[in-house]
Amino acid sequence: MFKADYEKIIETICEYKGISSKELCEILRDKDCKYMFFLLMKKYGVEVNSMNNDLNNFSKKQMIYNYKKALEKFLVNKNFREMYLRIDDEVKNII
């Protein structure tokens, strides 16, 4: 995945939440957005190592844990699933 695509995913999530893309930390504080971020990064093939370079806040173990929790939330929570599918459609249109 190209860096530009990675940035487009971040911009799409920020646009959905109504914050600027420079406020990535705000996304990561909101659990739903954080989980959405990890699901989209996994879907679009962003490697854990490349995410680790940009997100010094998380260790590799924390990233894997967050992805597992995101997947669990996706399967259980209907509202989260609908929000994910909406954002995923927007990302597909951009990429």
N, C-alpha and C. Protein backbone atom coordinates (compact mmCIF):
# COMPACT_ATOMS: atom_id res chain seq x y z
N MET A 1 0.84 -1.18 0.00
CA MET A 1 0.00 0.00 0.00
C MET A 1 0.88 1.24 0.00
N PHE A 2 0.50 2.21 -0.76
CA PHE A 2 1.25 3.45 -0.85
C PHE A 2 0.94 4.35 0.33
N LYS A 3 1.89 5.18 0.67
CA LYS A 3 1.72 6.13 1.78
C LYS A 3 0.52 7.04 1.53
N ALA A 4 0.27 7.40 0.27
CA ALA A 4 -0.86 8.28 -0.05
C ALA A 4 -2.18 7.60 0.31
N ASP A 5 -2.31 6.30 0.04
CA ASP A 5 -3.53 5.57 0.38
C ASP A 5 -3.72 5.51 1.90
N TYR A 6 -2.64 5.31 2.60
CA TYR A 6 -2.65 5.27 4.07
C TYR A 6 -3.16 6.60 4.61
N GLU A 7 -2.68 7.70 4.03
CA GLU A 7 -3.11 9.02 4.46
C GLU A 7 -4.57 9.28 4.10
N LYS A 8 -5.02 8.74 2.98
CA LYS A 8 -6.43 8.91 2.58
C LYS A 8 -7.36 8.23 3.58
N ILE A 9 -6.96 7.09 4.09
CA ILE A 9 -7.78 6.40 5.10
C ILE A 9 -7.88 7.27 6.35
N ILE A 10 -6.77 7.82 6.77
CA ILE A 10 -6.77 8.69 7.95
C ILE A 10 -7.65 9.91 7.71
N GLU A 11 -7.53 10.53 6.54
CA GLU A 11 -8.34 11.70 6.22
C GLU A 11 -9.83 11.37 6.20
N THR A 12 -10.19 10.20 5.70
CA THR A 12 -11.59 9.80 5.64
C THR A 12 -12.17 9.63 7.04
N ILE A 13 -11.43 8.99 7.92
CA ILE A 13 -11.91 8.81 9.29
C ILE A 13 -12.02 10.17 9.98
N CYS A 14 -11.03 11.04 9.77
CA CYS A 14 -11.07 12.38 10.37
C CYS A 14 -12.26 13.18 9.85
N GLU A 15 -12.52 13.07 8.57
CA GLU A 15 -13.66 13.77 7.97
C GLU A 15 -14.96 13.27 8.58
N TYR A 16 -15.06 11.98 8.79
CA TYR A 16 -16.27 11.40 9.38
C TYR A 16 -16.47 11.91 10.80
N LYS A 17 -15.37 12.06 11.55
CA LYS A 17 -15.46 12.53 12.94
C LYS A 17 -15.45 14.05 13.05
N GLY A 18 -15.16 14.75 11.95
CA GLY A 18 -15.17 16.21 11.96
C GLY A 18 -13.95 16.85 12.59
N ILE A 19 -12.79 16.22 12.44
CA ILE A 19 -11.55 16.80 12.96
C ILE A 19 -10.52 16.84 11.84
N SER A 20 -9.46 17.61 12.03
CA SER A 20 -8.43 17.71 11.00
C SER A 20 -7.54 16.45 11.03
N SER A 21 -6.95 16.16 9.89
CA SER A 21 -6.13 14.95 9.79
C SER A 21 -4.84 15.06 10.61
N LYS A 22 -4.48 16.26 11.01
CA LYS A 22 -3.29 16.43 11.83
C LYS A 22 -3.54 16.03 13.28
N GLU A 23 -4.80 15.83 13.62
CA GLU A 23 -5.16 15.45 14.98
C GLU A 23 -5.37 13.93 15.09
N LEU A 24 -4.43 13.18 14.59
CA LEU A 24 -4.52 11.72 14.61
C LEU A 24 -4.68 11.19 16.03
N CYS A 25 -4.09 11.86 16.98
CA CYS A 25 -4.20 11.43 18.38
C CYS A 25 -5.64 11.45 18.85
N GLU A 26 -6.44 12.39 18.34
CA GLU A 26 -7.86 12.46 18.70
C GLU A 26 -8.59 11.21 18.22
N ILE A 27 -8.23 10.74 17.05
CA ILE A 27 -8.85 9.52 16.52
C ILE A 27 -8.54 8.35 17.44
N LEU A 28 -7.31 8.28 17.87
CA LEU A 28 -6.88 7.13 18.66
C LEU A 28 -7.41 7.16 20.09
N ARG A 29 -7.91 8.29 20.54
CA ARG A 29 -8.52 8.35 21.88
C ARG A 29 -9.93 7.80 21.88
N ASP A 30 -10.63 7.94 20.77
CA ASP A 30 -11.99 7.42 20.64
C ASP A 30 -11.89 5.95 20.26
N LYS A 31 -12.43 5.07 21.09
CA LYS A 31 -12.28 3.63 20.85
C LYS A 31 -12.85 3.20 19.50
N ASP A 32 -14.03 3.70 19.16
CA ASP A 32 -14.63 3.30 17.89
C ASP A 32 -13.74 3.69 16.71
N CYS A 33 -13.23 4.90 16.74
CA CYS A 33 -12.36 5.34 15.64
C CYS A 33 -11.03 4.59 15.63
N LYS A 34 -10.52 4.32 16.82
CA LYS A 34 -9.26 3.57 16.90
C LYS A 34 -9.44 2.18 16.30
N TYR A 35 -10.53 1.53 16.68
CA TYR A 35 -10.79 0.20 16.14
C TYR A 35 -11.05 0.25 14.64
N MET A 36 -11.77 1.27 14.19
CA MET A 36 -12.04 1.46 12.77
C MET A 36 -10.72 1.62 12.02
N PHE A 37 -9.84 2.42 12.59
CA PHE A 37 -8.52 2.67 12.01
C PHE A 37 -7.75 1.36 11.83
N PHE A 38 -7.72 0.54 12.86
CA PHE A 38 -6.97 -0.71 12.78
C PHE A 38 -7.60 -1.69 11.79
N LEU A 39 -8.92 -1.75 11.73
CA LEU A 39 -9.58 -2.64 10.76
C LEU A 39 -9.28 -2.20 9.32
N LEU A 40 -9.36 -0.90 9.06
CA LEU A 40 -9.10 -0.41 7.71
C LEU A 40 -7.64 -0.58 7.32
N MET A 41 -6.75 -0.37 8.25
CA MET A 41 -5.33 -0.55 7.95
C MET A 41 -5.04 -2.01 7.59
N LYS A 42 -5.67 -2.92 8.32
CA LYS A 42 -5.48 -4.35 8.05
C LYS A 42 -6.08 -4.71 6.69
N LYS A 43 -7.29 -4.19 6.42
CA LYS A 43 -7.97 -4.52 5.16
C LYS A 43 -7.19 -4.04 3.95
N TYR A 44 -6.62 -2.85 4.05
CA TYR A 44 -5.92 -2.28 2.92
C TYR A 44 -4.43 -2.58 2.92
N GLY A 45 -4.02 -3.53 3.73
CA GLY A 45 -2.67 -4.08 3.63
C GLY A 45 -1.55 -3.26 4.23
N VAL A 46 -1.85 -2.42 5.19
CA VAL A 46 -0.78 -1.68 5.85
C VAL A 46 -0.12 -2.61 6.86
N GLU A 47 1.18 -2.76 6.75
CA GLU A 47 1.90 -3.66 7.64
C GLU A 47 2.06 -3.05 9.02
N VAL A 48 2.13 -3.91 10.01
CA VAL A 48 2.28 -3.46 11.40
C VAL A 48 3.56 -2.64 11.54
N ASN A 49 4.61 -3.03 10.85
CA ASN A 49 5.88 -2.31 10.96
C ASN A 49 5.77 -0.88 10.45
N SER A 50 5.07 -0.69 9.33
CA SER A 50 4.93 0.67 8.80
C SER A 50 4.03 1.51 9.69
N MET A 51 3.00 0.90 10.29
CA MET A 51 2.16 1.64 11.22
C MET A 51 2.94 1.99 12.47
N ASN A 52 3.81 1.09 12.88
CA ASN A 52 4.60 1.31 14.09
C ASN A 52 5.53 2.52 13.93
N ASN A 53 6.00 2.75 12.70
CA ASN A 53 6.86 3.91 12.46
C ASN A 53 6.09 5.21 12.67
N ASP A 54 4.83 5.24 12.27
CA ASP A 54 4.02 6.45 12.38
C ASP A 54 3.34 6.58 13.73
N LEU A 55 3.08 5.46 14.38
CA LEU A 55 2.37 5.48 15.66
C LEU A 55 3.28 4.98 16.76
N ASN A 56 4.07 5.86 17.27
CA ASN A 56 5.01 5.47 18.33
C ASN A 56 4.30 5.16 19.64
N ASN A 57 3.01 5.52 19.72
CA ASN A 57 2.24 5.31 20.95
C ASN A 57 2.00 3.83 21.22
N PHE A 58 2.01 3.00 20.18
CA PHE A 58 1.62 1.61 20.31
C PHE A 58 2.78 0.68 20.03
N SER A 59 2.87 -0.35 20.86
CA SER A 59 3.83 -1.41 20.57
C SER A 59 3.16 -2.37 19.59
N LYS A 60 3.94 -3.26 19.04
CA LYS A 60 3.41 -4.24 18.09
C LYS A 60 2.33 -5.09 18.77
N LYS A 61 2.57 -5.45 20.01
CA LYS A 61 1.61 -6.26 20.77
C LYS A 61 0.30 -5.50 20.96
N GLN A 62 0.38 -4.21 21.27
CA GLN A 62 -0.83 -3.41 21.44
C GLN A 62 -1.61 -3.28 20.13
N MET A 63 -0.89 -3.15 19.02
CA MET A 63 -1.56 -3.05 17.72
C MET A 63 -2.32 -4.33 17.39
N ILE A 64 -1.70 -5.46 17.65
CA ILE A 64 -2.36 -6.74 17.39
C ILE A 64 -3.57 -6.90 18.30
N TYR A 65 -3.43 -6.52 19.56
CA TYR A 65 -4.54 -6.58 20.51
C TYR A 65 -5.69 -5.68 20.05
N ASN A 66 -5.37 -4.45 19.63
CA ASN A 66 -6.40 -3.53 19.17
C ASN A 66 -7.12 -4.06 17.93
N TYR A 67 -6.38 -4.71 17.03
CA TYR A 67 -7.01 -5.29 15.85
C TYR A 67 -7.99 -6.40 16.26
N LYS A 68 -7.58 -7.24 17.19
CA LYS A 68 -8.47 -8.33 17.64
C LYS A 68 -9.72 -7.78 18.30
N LYS A 69 -9.57 -6.74 19.13
CA LYS A 69 -10.73 -6.12 19.78
C LYS A 69 -11.63 -5.45 18.73
N ALA A 70 -11.03 -4.87 17.71
CA ALA A 70 -11.81 -4.23 16.65
C ALA A 70 -12.62 -5.27 15.88
N LEU A 71 -12.01 -6.39 15.59
CA LEU A 71 -12.71 -7.46 14.89
C LEU A 71 -13.86 -7.99 15.73
N GLU A 72 -13.63 -8.15 17.01
CA GLU A 72 -14.68 -8.60 17.92
C GLU A 72 -15.84 -7.60 17.96
N LYS A 73 -15.51 -6.32 18.03
CA LYS A 73 -16.55 -5.29 18.06
C LYS A 73 -17.32 -5.26 16.75
N PHE A 74 -16.63 -5.47 15.64
CA PHE A 74 -17.27 -5.51 14.33
C PHE A 74 -18.32 -6.62 14.27
N LEU A 75 -17.98 -7.76 14.82
CA LEU A 75 -18.90 -8.91 14.77
C LEU A 75 -20.08 -8.77 15.72
N VAL A 76 -19.91 -8.05 16.81
CA VAL A 76 -20.94 -7.97 17.85
C VAL A 76 -21.82 -6.73 17.73
N ASN A 77 -21.25 -5.59 17.39
CA ASN A 77 -21.95 -4.32 17.45
C ASN A 77 -22.46 -3.89 16.07
N LYS A 78 -23.77 -3.84 15.91
CA LYS A 78 -24.38 -3.49 14.62
C LYS A 78 -24.07 -2.05 14.22
N ASN A 79 -24.15 -1.11 15.15
CA ASN A 79 -23.88 0.30 14.83
C ASN A 79 -22.43 0.50 14.38
N PHE A 80 -21.52 -0.17 15.05
CA PHE A 80 -20.11 -0.09 14.67
C PHE A 80 -19.90 -0.67 13.28
N ARG A 81 -20.55 -1.79 13.01
CA ARG A 81 -20.43 -2.45 11.70
C ARG A 81 -20.94 -1.53 10.59
N GLU A 82 -22.08 -0.87 10.82
CA GLU A 82 -22.64 0.04 9.82
C GLU A 82 -21.71 1.23 9.59
N MET A 83 -21.15 1.77 10.67
CA MET A 83 -20.22 2.89 10.55
C MET A 83 -18.98 2.46 9.77
N TYR A 84 -18.47 1.27 10.06
CA TYR A 84 -17.30 0.75 9.34
C TYR A 84 -17.60 0.61 7.85
N LEU A 85 -18.75 0.05 7.52
CA LEU A 85 -19.09 -0.16 6.11
C LEU A 85 -19.24 1.17 5.37
N ARG A 86 -19.81 2.19 6.04
CA ARG A 86 -19.93 3.52 5.43
C ARG A 86 -18.56 4.12 5.15
N ILE A 87 -17.68 4.05 6.13
CA ILE A 87 -16.34 4.62 5.95
C ILE A 87 -15.56 3.82 4.92
N ASP A 88 -15.72 2.51 4.92
CA ASP A 88 -15.03 1.66 3.94
C ASP A 88 -15.48 2.01 2.52
N ASP A 89 -16.76 2.26 2.32
CA ASP A 89 -17.25 2.66 0.99
C ASP A 89 -16.62 3.97 0.55
N GLU A 90 -16.49 4.92 1.48
CA GLU A 90 -15.86 6.20 1.15
C GLU A 90 -14.40 6.01 0.78
N VAL A 91 -13.72 5.15 1.52
CA VAL A 91 -12.30 4.89 1.23
C VAL A 91 -12.16 4.23 -0.13
N LYS A 92 -13.04 3.29 -0.46
CA LYS A 92 -12.99 2.63 -1.78
C LYS A 92 -13.16 3.65 -2.90
N ASN A 93 -14.07 4.62 -2.70
CA ASN A 93 -14.29 5.63 -3.73
C ASN A 93 -13.08 6.54 -3.90
N ILE A 94 -12.38 6.81 -2.82
CA ILE A 94 -11.21 7.68 -2.89
C ILE A 94 -10.01 6.95 -3.49
N ILE A 95 -9.81 5.72 -3.06
CA ILE A 95 -8.65 4.93 -3.53
C ILE A 95 -9.02 4.31 -4.83
